[in-house]
Amino acid sequence: MNKSHSRKPKVLNVGFHPPPPGGMAIFIENFENSEIRDFFDLRGFDTDYPRWLKRFRPLTVLYLPIMYLHYIWILAVFKPDVVHIHTPAFNSFYKHALFLKITRERDIPVALHIHAGKFKEFYDNLKKSKQRDVCGKLADANLLIVLSNYWKDFFADLYPVEKIRIVENGIPVHVYCPGEDLSPSNGKNFLYVGRVLQQKGMDELLDACLEVFRIYPDAHLTIAGGEDVAHYSSKAEKMNISKH
């Protein structure tokens, strides 16, 4: 077989890599350690600042040109077939948009993956001229990846909908499947661990549990997290599910 045809496509993953916490870093870690490596030659480029530099925030402006030059060098050496750029919102969006621009100037296809739970808030609070600028930056991407139908509908007004794809955050199920049956003997228990916020789907969680508790009266929900706890405790009381 011709060697050139058997070569795995090269994919450069650009975004916040662990150890920083957060959905993007966790997604990238799971992505790069998944079986997708069997099909692609993956390489990561971390866009987070070094830990020591975060103590001297004003210096990050001086560090950025070094990061961009390093990125240009990686593109030249690794020669990726596709670049997968992961971006949040606010100032970090503009930071990652420059990685997008640099890549497209070299005619390398880019999939731009939006991880920001507050992108709508970020966009809606911009002046019209700034909104047009954001749309222009999005237009540089060959493909836009979003996390749900909600975000597809939102970005359909900012970017060609036929080039939007939904990729939900995946979970490496095998890691969480114990070798023995650990099912509780006293009913069905559900655990939510995370920030207690509307953006994290707390309203949908309580609405779903209302139906679950109707079918399984012995079910229990435990929520471990902070922020809008009082609000959702009150909502659970009003829904008459707080005792679950």
C-alpha atoms as a PDB file:
ATOM      1  CA  MET A   1       0.000   0.000   0.000  1.00  0.00           C
ATOM      2  CA  ASN A   2       1.222   3.467  -0.773  1.00  0.00           C
ATOM      3  CA  LYS A   3       2.574   4.950   2.454  1.00  0.00           C
ATOM      4  CA  SER A   4       1.043   8.369   1.836  1.00  0.00           C
ATOM      5  CA  HIS A   5      -2.454   6.824   1.791  1.00  0.00           C
ATOM      6  CA  SER A   6      -1.953   5.019   5.119  1.00  0.00           C
ATOM      7  CA  ARG A   7      -0.844   8.123   7.001  1.00  0.00           C
ATOM      8  CA  LYS A   8      -3.152   9.205   9.794  1.00  0.00           C
ATOM      9  CA  PRO A   9      -4.577  12.716   9.317  1.00  0.00           C
ATOM     10  CA  LYS A  10      -2.817  15.204  11.565  1.00  0.00           C
ATOM     11  CA  VAL A  11      -5.018  17.166  13.965  1.00  0.00           C
ATOM     12  CA  LEU A  12      -3.745  19.986  16.159  1.00  0.00           C
ATOM     13  CA  ASN A  13      -5.883  20.550  19.269  1.00  0.00           C
ATOM     14  CA  VAL A  14      -5.678  24.193  20.392  1.00  0.00           C
ATOM     15  CA  GLY A  15      -7.087  25.333  23.736  1.00  0.00           C
ATOM     16  CA  PHE A  16      -6.780  25.179  27.505  1.00  0.00           C
ATOM     17  CA  HIS A  17      -5.162  21.881  28.486  1.00  0.00           C
ATOM     18  CA  PRO A  18      -5.076  20.412  32.015  1.00  0.00           C
ATOM     19  CA  PRO A  19      -4.197  21.143  34.811  1.00  0.00           C
ATOM     20  CA  PRO A  20      -6.568  24.171  34.726  1.00  0.00           C
ATOM     21  CA  PRO A  21     -10.042  23.049  35.826  1.00  0.00           C
ATOM     22  CA  GLY A  22     -13.075  23.550  33.644  1.00  0.00           C
ATOM     23  CA  GLY A  23     -15.136  21.917  30.936  1.00  0.00           C
ATOM     24  CA  MET A  24     -12.786  22.791  28.080  1.00  0.00           C
ATOM     25  CA  ALA A  25      -9.666  21.334  29.708  1.00  0.00           C
ATOM     26  CA  ILE A  26     -11.539  18.177  30.741  1.00  0.00           C
ATOM     27  CA  PHE A  27     -12.993  17.767  27.233  1.00  0.00           C
ATOM     28  CA  ILE A  28      -9.566  18.159  25.629  1.00  0.00           C
ATOM     29  CA  GLU A  29      -7.978  15.690  28.062  1.00  0.00           C
ATOM     30  CA  ASN A  30     -10.674  13.071  27.400  1.00  0.00           C
ATOM     31  CA  PHE A  31     -10.527  13.751  23.659  1.00  0.00           C
ATOM     32  CA  GLU A  32      -6.757  13.368  23.414  1.00  0.00           C
ATOM     33  CA  ASN A  33      -6.756  10.194  25.539  1.00  0.00           C
ATOM     34  CA  SER A  34      -9.639   8.550  23.690  1.00  0.00           C
ATOM     35  CA  GLU A  35      -9.656   5.900  20.970  1.00  0.00           C
ATOM     36  CA  ILE A  36      -9.719   8.696  18.409  1.00  0.00           C
ATOM     37  CA  ARG A  37      -5.919   8.417  18.527  1.00  0.00           C
ATOM     38  CA  ASP A  38      -6.304   5.186  16.566  1.00  0.00           C
ATOM     39  CA  PHE A  39      -7.563   7.204  13.612  1.00  0.00           C
ATOM     40  CA  PHE A  40      -5.757  10.552  13.905  1.00  0.00           C
ATOM     41  CA  ASP A  41      -2.275  11.791  14.673  1.00  0.00           C
ATOM     42  CA  LEU A  42      -3.124  14.181  17.520  1.00  0.00           C
ATOM     43  CA  ARG A  43      -1.037  16.951  18.983  1.00  0.00           C
ATOM     44  CA  GLY A  44      -2.040  19.517  21.589  1.00  0.00           C
ATOM     45  CA  PHE A  45      -1.185  23.200  21.903  1.00  0.00           C
ATOM     46  CA  ASP A  46      -1.941  24.737  25.290  1.00  0.00           C
ATOM     47  CA  THR A  47      -3.246  28.317  25.122  1.00  0.00           C
ATOM     48  CA  ASP A  48      -3.325  28.800  28.881  1.00  0.00           C
ATOM     49  CA  TYR A  49      -0.694  30.961  30.552  1.00  0.00           C
ATOM     50  CA  PRO A  50       2.010  29.265  32.655  1.00  0.00           C
ATOM     51  CA  ARG A  51       1.075  29.014  36.310  1.00  0.00           C
ATOM     52  CA  TRP A  52       3.917  31.286  37.430  1.00  0.00           C
ATOM     53  CA  LEU A  53       2.802  34.006  35.002  1.00  0.00           C
ATOM     54  CA  LYS A  54      -0.732  34.116  36.408  1.00  0.00           C
ATOM     55  CA  ARG A  55       0.676  35.766  39.534  1.00  0.00           C
ATOM     56  CA  PHE A  56       1.861  38.670  37.359  1.00  0.00           C
ATOM     57  CA  ARG A  57      -1.199  39.330  35.181  1.00  0.00           C
ATOM     58  CA  PRO A  58       0.157  42.538  33.554  1.00  0.00           C
ATOM     59  CA  LEU A  59       2.974  40.468  32.032  1.00  0.00           C
ATOM     60  CA  THR A  60       0.558  38.267  30.092  1.00  0.00           C
ATOM     61  CA  VAL A  61       0.352  40.961  27.407  1.00  0.00           C
ATOM     62  CA  LEU A  62       4.092  40.558  26.841  1.00  0.00           C
ATOM     63  CA  TYR A  63       3.826  36.762  26.847  1.00  0.00           C
ATOM     64  CA  LEU A  64       1.123  36.581  24.161  1.00  0.00           C
ATOM     65  CA  PRO A  65       3.425  37.391  21.185  1.00  0.00           C
ATOM     66  CA  ILE A  66       5.742  34.596  22.340  1.00  0.00           C
ATOM     67  CA  MET A  67       2.796  32.194  22.445  1.00  0.00           C
ATOM     68  CA  TYR A  68       1.692  33.178  18.931  1.00  0.00           C
ATOM     69  CA  LEU A  69       5.234  32.810  17.551  1.00  0.00           C
ATOM     70  CA  HIS A  70       5.475  29.380  19.170  1.00  0.00           C
ATOM     71  CA  TYR A  71       2.161  28.460  17.555  1.00  0.00           C
ATOM     72  CA  ILE A  72       3.382  29.542  14.108  1.00  0.00           C
ATOM     73  CA  TRP A  73       6.449  27.356  14.619  1.00  0.00           C
ATOM     74  CA  ILE A  74       4.271  24.372  15.625  1.00  0.00           C
ATOM     75  CA  LEU A  75       2.167  24.821  12.476  1.00  0.00           C
ATOM     76  CA  ALA A  76       5.314  24.836  10.341  1.00  0.00           C
ATOM     77  CA  VAL A  77       6.845  21.762  12.000  1.00  0.00           C
ATOM     78  CA  PHE A  78       3.777  19.592  12.667  1.00  0.00           C
ATOM     79  CA  LYS A  79       1.993  20.531   9.411  1.00  0.00           C
ATOM     80  CA  PRO A  80      -1.534  19.657  10.579  1.00  0.00           C
ATOM     81  CA  ASP A  81      -4.248  18.704   8.123  1.00  0.00           C
ATOM     82  CA  VAL A  82      -6.886  20.213  10.420  1.00  0.00           C
ATOM     83  CA  VAL A  83      -6.743  22.484  13.456  1.00  0.00           C
ATOM     84  CA  HIS A  84      -9.391  22.067  16.170  1.00  0.00           C
ATOM     85  CA  ILE A  85      -9.582  25.310  18.171  1.00  0.00           C
ATOM     86  CA  HIS A  86     -11.484  25.317  21.470  1.00  0.00           C
ATOM     87  CA  THR A  87     -12.625  28.696  22.752  1.00  0.00           C
ATOM     88  CA  PRO A  88     -14.537  30.235  25.655  1.00  0.00           C
ATOM     89  CA  ALA A  89     -16.119  33.704  25.502  1.00  0.00           C
ATOM     90  CA  PHE A  90     -15.164  37.248  26.552  1.00  0.00           C
ATOM     91  CA  ASN A  91     -11.469  38.226  26.284  1.00  0.00           C
ATOM     92  CA  SER A  92     -10.380  34.631  25.718  1.00  0.00           C
ATOM     93  CA  PHE A  93     -12.507  34.508  22.578  1.00  0.00           C
ATOM     94  CA  TYR A  94     -10.444  37.309  21.014  1.00  0.00           C
ATOM     95  CA  LYS A  95      -7.253  35.565  22.108  1.00  0.00           C
ATOM     96  CA  HIS A  96      -8.301  32.333  20.380  1.00  0.00           C
ATOM     97  CA  ALA A  97      -9.665  34.199  17.354  1.00  0.00           C
ATOM     98  CA  LEU A  98      -6.100  35.243  16.558  1.00  0.00           C
ATOM     99  CA  PHE A  99      -5.028  31.579  16.559  1.00  0.00           C
ATOM    100  CA  LEU A 100      -7.881  31.047  14.087  1.00  0.00           C
ATOM    101  CA  LYS A 101      -6.721  33.927  11.886  1.00  0.00           C
ATOM    102  CA  ILE A 102      -3.087  32.751  11.906  1.00  0.00           C
ATOM    103  CA  THR A 103      -4.183  29.249  10.903  1.00  0.00           C
ATOM    104  CA  ARG A 104      -6.499  30.319   8.085  1.00  0.00           C
ATOM    105  CA  GLU A 105      -3.812  32.623   6.671  1.00  0.00           C
ATOM    106  CA  ARG A 106      -1.868  29.399   6.063  1.00  0.00           C
ATOM    107  CA  ASP A 107      -4.843  27.750   4.312  1.00  0.00           C
ATOM    108  CA  ILE A 108      -5.260  25.142   7.043  1.00  0.00           C
ATOM    109  CA  PRO A 109      -8.900  24.143   7.713  1.00  0.00           C
ATOM    110  CA  VAL A 110     -10.195  25.002  11.185  1.00  0.00           C
ATOM    111  CA  ALA A 111     -13.011  23.583  13.286  1.00  0.00           C
ATOM    112  CA  LEU A 112     -13.906  26.173  15.927  1.00  0.00           C
ATOM    113  CA  HIS A 113     -15.382  24.538  19.042  1.00  0.00           C
ATOM    114  CA  ILE A 114     -17.420  26.860  21.291  1.00  0.00           C
ATOM    115  CA  HIS A 115     -17.320  25.801  24.949  1.00  0.00           C
ATOM    116  CA  ALA A 116     -18.653  29.013  26.488  1.00  0.00           C
ATOM    117  CA  GLY A 117     -21.788  28.714  28.584  1.00  0.00           C
ATOM    118  CA  LYS A 118     -21.975  32.516  28.627  1.00  0.00           C
ATOM    119  CA  PHE A 119     -21.381  33.230  24.944  1.00  0.00           C
ATOM    120  CA  LYS A 120     -24.884  34.676  24.523  1.00  0.00           C
ATOM    121  CA  GLU A 121     -24.327  37.013  27.476  1.00  0.00           C
ATOM    122  CA  PHE A 122     -20.948  37.999  26.034  1.00  0.00           C
ATOM    123  CA  TYR A 123     -22.393  38.660  22.565  1.00  0.00           C
ATOM    124  CA  ASP A 124     -25.608  40.402  23.640  1.00  0.00           C
ATOM    125  CA  ASN A 125     -23.691  42.932  25.755  1.00  0.00           C
ATOM    126  CA  LEU A 126     -21.491  44.044  22.856  1.00  0.00           C
ATOM    127  CA  LYS A 127     -22.088  47.124  20.745  1.00  0.00           C
ATOM    128  CA  LYS A 128     -23.338  46.452  17.210  1.00  0.00           C
ATOM    129  CA  SER A 129     -19.908  47.143  15.737  1.00  0.00           C
ATOM    130  CA  LYS A 130     -18.311  44.653  18.132  1.00  0.00           C
ATOM    131  CA  GLN A 131     -21.003  42.082  17.317  1.00  0.00           C
ATOM    132  CA  ARG A 132     -20.145  42.409  13.626  1.00  0.00           C
ATOM    133  CA  ASP A 133     -16.491  41.917  14.530  1.00  0.00           C
ATOM    134  CA  VAL A 134     -17.318  38.695  16.399  1.00  0.00           C
ATOM    135  CA  CYS A 135     -19.337  37.427  13.416  1.00  0.00           C
ATOM    136  CA  GLY A 136     -16.389  38.230  11.162  1.00  0.00           C
ATOM    137  CA  LYS A 137     -14.065  36.188  13.339  1.00  0.00           C
ATOM    138  CA  LEU A 138     -16.504  33.262  13.420  1.00  0.00           C
ATOM    139  CA  ALA A 139     -16.688  33.423   9.615  1.00  0.00           C
ATOM    140  CA  ASP A 140     -12.985  32.534   9.414  1.00  0.00           C
ATOM    141  CA  ALA A 141     -13.775  29.006  10.653  1.00  0.00           C
ATOM    142  CA  ASN A 142     -14.551  26.232   8.179  1.00  0.00           C
ATOM    143  CA  LEU A 143     -16.792  24.510  10.705  1.00  0.00           C
ATOM    144  CA  LEU A 144     -18.422  25.582  13.963  1.00  0.00           C
ATOM    145  CA  ILE A 145     -18.911  23.012  16.738  1.00  0.00           C
ATOM    146  CA  VAL A 146     -21.433  23.680  19.508  1.00  0.00           C
ATOM    147  CA  LEU A 147     -22.618  21.671  22.507  1.00  0.00           C
ATOM    148  CA  SER A 148     -26.392  21.474  22.018  1.00  0.00           C
ATOM    149  CA  ASN A 149     -29.415  22.359  19.885  1.00  0.00           C
ATOM    150  CA  TYR A 150     -29.834  25.500  21.986  1.00  0.00           C
ATOM    151  CA  TRP A 151     -26.425  26.748  20.857  1.00  0.00           C
ATOM    152  CA  LYS A 152     -26.993  25.673  17.267  1.00  0.00           C
ATOM    153  CA  ASP A 153     -30.136  27.807  17.170  1.00  0.00           C
ATOM    154  CA  PHE A 154     -28.269  30.738  18.717  1.00  0.00           C
ATOM    155  CA  PHE A 155     -25.287  30.610  16.351  1.00  0.00           C
ATOM    156  CA  ALA A 156     -27.529  30.077  13.310  1.00  0.00           C
ATOM    157  CA  ASP A 157     -28.078  33.859  13.373  1.00  0.00           C
ATOM    158  CA  LEU A 158     -24.323  34.520  13.416  1.00  0.00           C
ATOM    159  CA  TYR A 159     -22.860  31.805  11.197  1.00  0.00           C
ATOM    160  CA  PRO A 160     -24.050  29.613   8.259  1.00  0.00           C
ATOM    161  CA  VAL A 161     -26.228  26.958   9.890  1.00  0.00           C
ATOM    162  CA  GLU A 162     -25.225  24.282   7.348  1.00  0.00           C
ATOM    163  CA  LYS A 163     -21.676  24.467   8.719  1.00  0.00           C
ATOM    164  CA  ILE A 164     -22.678  24.072  12.386  1.00  0.00           C
ATOM    165  CA  ARG A 165     -22.274  20.685  14.056  1.00  0.00           C
ATOM    166  CA  ILE A 166     -23.401  19.556  17.511  1.00  0.00           C
ATOM    167  CA  VAL A 167     -20.878  17.580  19.564  1.00  0.00           C
ATOM    168  CA  GLU A 168     -22.070  17.006  23.106  1.00  0.00           C
ATOM    169  CA  ASN A 169     -19.528  16.772  25.892  1.00  0.00           C
ATOM    170  CA  GLY A 170     -18.644  13.103  26.137  1.00  0.00           C
ATOM    171  CA  ILE A 171     -17.978  10.973  29.192  1.00  0.00           C
ATOM    172  CA  PRO A 172     -15.460   8.082  29.162  1.00  0.00           C
ATOM    173  CA  VAL A 173     -18.054   5.601  30.433  1.00  0.00           C
ATOM    174  CA  HIS A 174     -15.589   2.760  31.060  1.00  0.00           C
ATOM    175  CA  VAL A 175     -13.879   4.844  33.759  1.00  0.00           C
ATOM    176  CA  TYR A 176     -17.092   5.064  35.749  1.00  0.00           C
ATOM    177  CA  CYS A 177     -18.299   1.461  35.333  1.00  0.00           C
ATOM    178  CA  PRO A 178     -17.287  -0.515  38.444  1.00  0.00           C
ATOM    179  CA  GLY A 179     -16.558  -4.196  38.173  1.00  0.00           C
ATOM    180  CA  GLU A 180     -19.166  -5.019  40.793  1.00  0.00           C
ATOM    181  CA  ASP A 181     -22.783  -4.030  41.207  1.00  0.00           C
ATOM    182  CA  LEU A 182     -22.919  -1.011  43.514  1.00  0.00           C
ATOM    183  CA  SER A 183     -26.619  -0.305  43.065  1.00  0.00           C
ATOM    184  CA  PRO A 184     -28.190   0.971  46.287  1.00  0.00           C
ATOM    185  CA  SER A 185     -30.545  -1.417  48.018  1.00  0.00           C
ATOM    186  CA  ASN A 186     -32.795   1.361  49.311  1.00  0.00           C
ATOM    187  CA  GLY A 187     -34.052   2.847  46.074  1.00  0.00           C
ATOM    188  CA  LYS A 188     -32.647   4.947  43.233  1.00  0.00           C
ATOM    189  CA  ASN A 189     -30.127   7.624  44.157  1.00  0.00           C
ATOM    190  CA  PHE A 190     -29.014  10.449  41.859  1.00  0.00           C
ATOM    191  CA  LEU A 191     -26.012  12.706  42.485  1.00  0.00           C
ATOM    192  CA  TYR A 192     -25.329  16.091  40.874  1.00  0.00           C
ATOM    193  CA  VAL A 193     -21.886  17.594  41.495  1.00  0.00           C
ATOM    194  CA  GLY A 194     -21.167  21.038  40.073  1.00  0.00           C
ATOM    195  CA  ARG A 195     -22.121  24.683  40.105  1.00  0.00           C
ATOM    196  CA  VAL A 196     -25.751  25.242  41.032  1.00  0.00           C
ATOM    197  CA  LEU A 197     -26.675  27.628  38.224  1.00  0.00           C
ATOM    198  CA  GLN A 198     -29.289  28.050  35.525  1.00  0.00           C
ATOM    199  CA  GLN A 199     -26.557  27.791  32.874  1.00  0.00           C
ATOM    200  CA  LYS A 200     -25.684  24.331  34.192  1.00  0.00           C
ATOM    201  CA  GLY A 201     -29.219  23.090  33.613  1.00  0.00           C
ATOM    202  CA  MET A 202     -30.540  23.149  37.175  1.00  0.00           C
ATOM    203  CA  ASP A 203     -34.080  24.039  36.078  1.00  0.00           C
ATOM    204  CA  GLU A 204     -34.146  21.125  33.646  1.00  0.00           C
ATOM    205  CA  LEU A 205     -32.707  18.816  36.313  1.00  0.00           C
ATOM    206  CA  LEU A 206     -35.460  19.654  38.808  1.00  0.00           C
ATOM    207  CA  ASP A 207     -38.155  19.372  36.127  1.00  0.00           C
ATOM    208  CA  ALA A 208     -36.836  15.940  35.132  1.00  0.00           C
ATOM    209  CA  CYS A 209     -36.659  14.827  38.763  1.00  0.00           C
ATOM    210  CA  LEU A 210     -40.282  15.820  39.258  1.00  0.00           C
ATOM    211  CA  GLU A 211     -41.216  13.192  36.673  1.00  0.00           C
ATOM    212  CA  VAL A 212     -38.741  10.655  38.087  1.00  0.00           C
ATOM    213  CA  PHE A 213     -40.101  11.043  41.622  1.00  0.00           C
ATOM    214  CA  ARG A 214     -43.638  10.596  40.317  1.00  0.00           C
ATOM    215  CA  ILE A 215     -42.706   7.215  38.839  1.00  0.00           C
ATOM    216  CA  TYR A 216     -40.220   6.218  41.573  1.00  0.00           C
ATOM    217  CA  PRO A 217     -41.376   7.675  44.916  1.00  0.00           C
ATOM    218  CA  ASP A 218     -38.373   6.131  46.700  1.00  0.00           C
ATOM    219  CA  ALA A 219     -35.820   7.951  44.507  1.00  0.00           C
ATOM    220  CA  HIS A 220     -33.434  10.513  46.007  1.00  0.00           C
ATOM    221  CA  LEU A 221     -31.500  13.435  44.532  1.00  0.00           C
ATOM    222  CA  THR A 222     -28.358  14.814  46.178  1.00  0.00           C
ATOM    223  CA  ILE A 223     -26.940  18.120  44.910  1.00  0.00           C
ATOM    224  CA  ALA A 224     -23.356  19.018  45.827  1.00  0.00           C
ATOM    225  CA  GLY A 225     -22.273  22.483  44.759  1.00  0.00           C
ATOM    226  CA  GLY A 226     -22.425  26.187  45.443  1.00  0.00           C
ATOM    227  CA  GLU A 227     -23.767  29.524  44.148  1.00  0.00           C
ATOM    228  CA  ASP A 228     -27.598  29.682  43.686  1.00  0.00           C
ATOM    229  CA  VAL A 229     -28.321  27.060  46.346  1.00  0.00           C
ATOM    230  CA  ALA A 230     -30.961  29.122  48.189  1.00  0.00           C
ATOM    231  CA  HIS A 231     -32.868  29.821  44.970  1.00  0.00           C
ATOM    232  CA  TYR A 232     -33.015  26.174  43.927  1.00  0.00           C
ATOM    233  CA  SER A 233     -33.756  24.961  47.445  1.00  0.00           C
ATOM    234  CA  SER A 234     -36.756  27.302  47.412  1.00  0.00           C
ATOM    235  CA  LYS A 235     -37.777  26.068  43.963  1.00  0.00           C
ATOM    236  CA  ALA A 236     -37.577  22.440  45.120  1.00  0.00           C
ATOM    237  CA  GLU A 237     -39.824  23.345  48.072  1.00  0.00           C
ATOM    238  CA  LYS A 238     -42.394  24.945  45.752  1.00  0.00           C
ATOM    239  CA  MET A 239     -42.290  21.884  43.483  1.00  0.00           C
ATOM    240  CA  ASN A 240     -42.855  19.698  46.551  1.00  0.00           C
ATOM    241  CA  ILE A 241     -39.758  17.599  45.865  1.00  0.00           C
ATOM    242  CA  SER A 242     -37.424  18.912  48.584  1.00  0.00           C
ATOM    243  CA  LYS A 243     -37.912  15.778  50.724  1.00  0.00           C
ATOM    244  CA  HIS A 244     -36.388  13.663  47.972  1.00  0.00           C
END
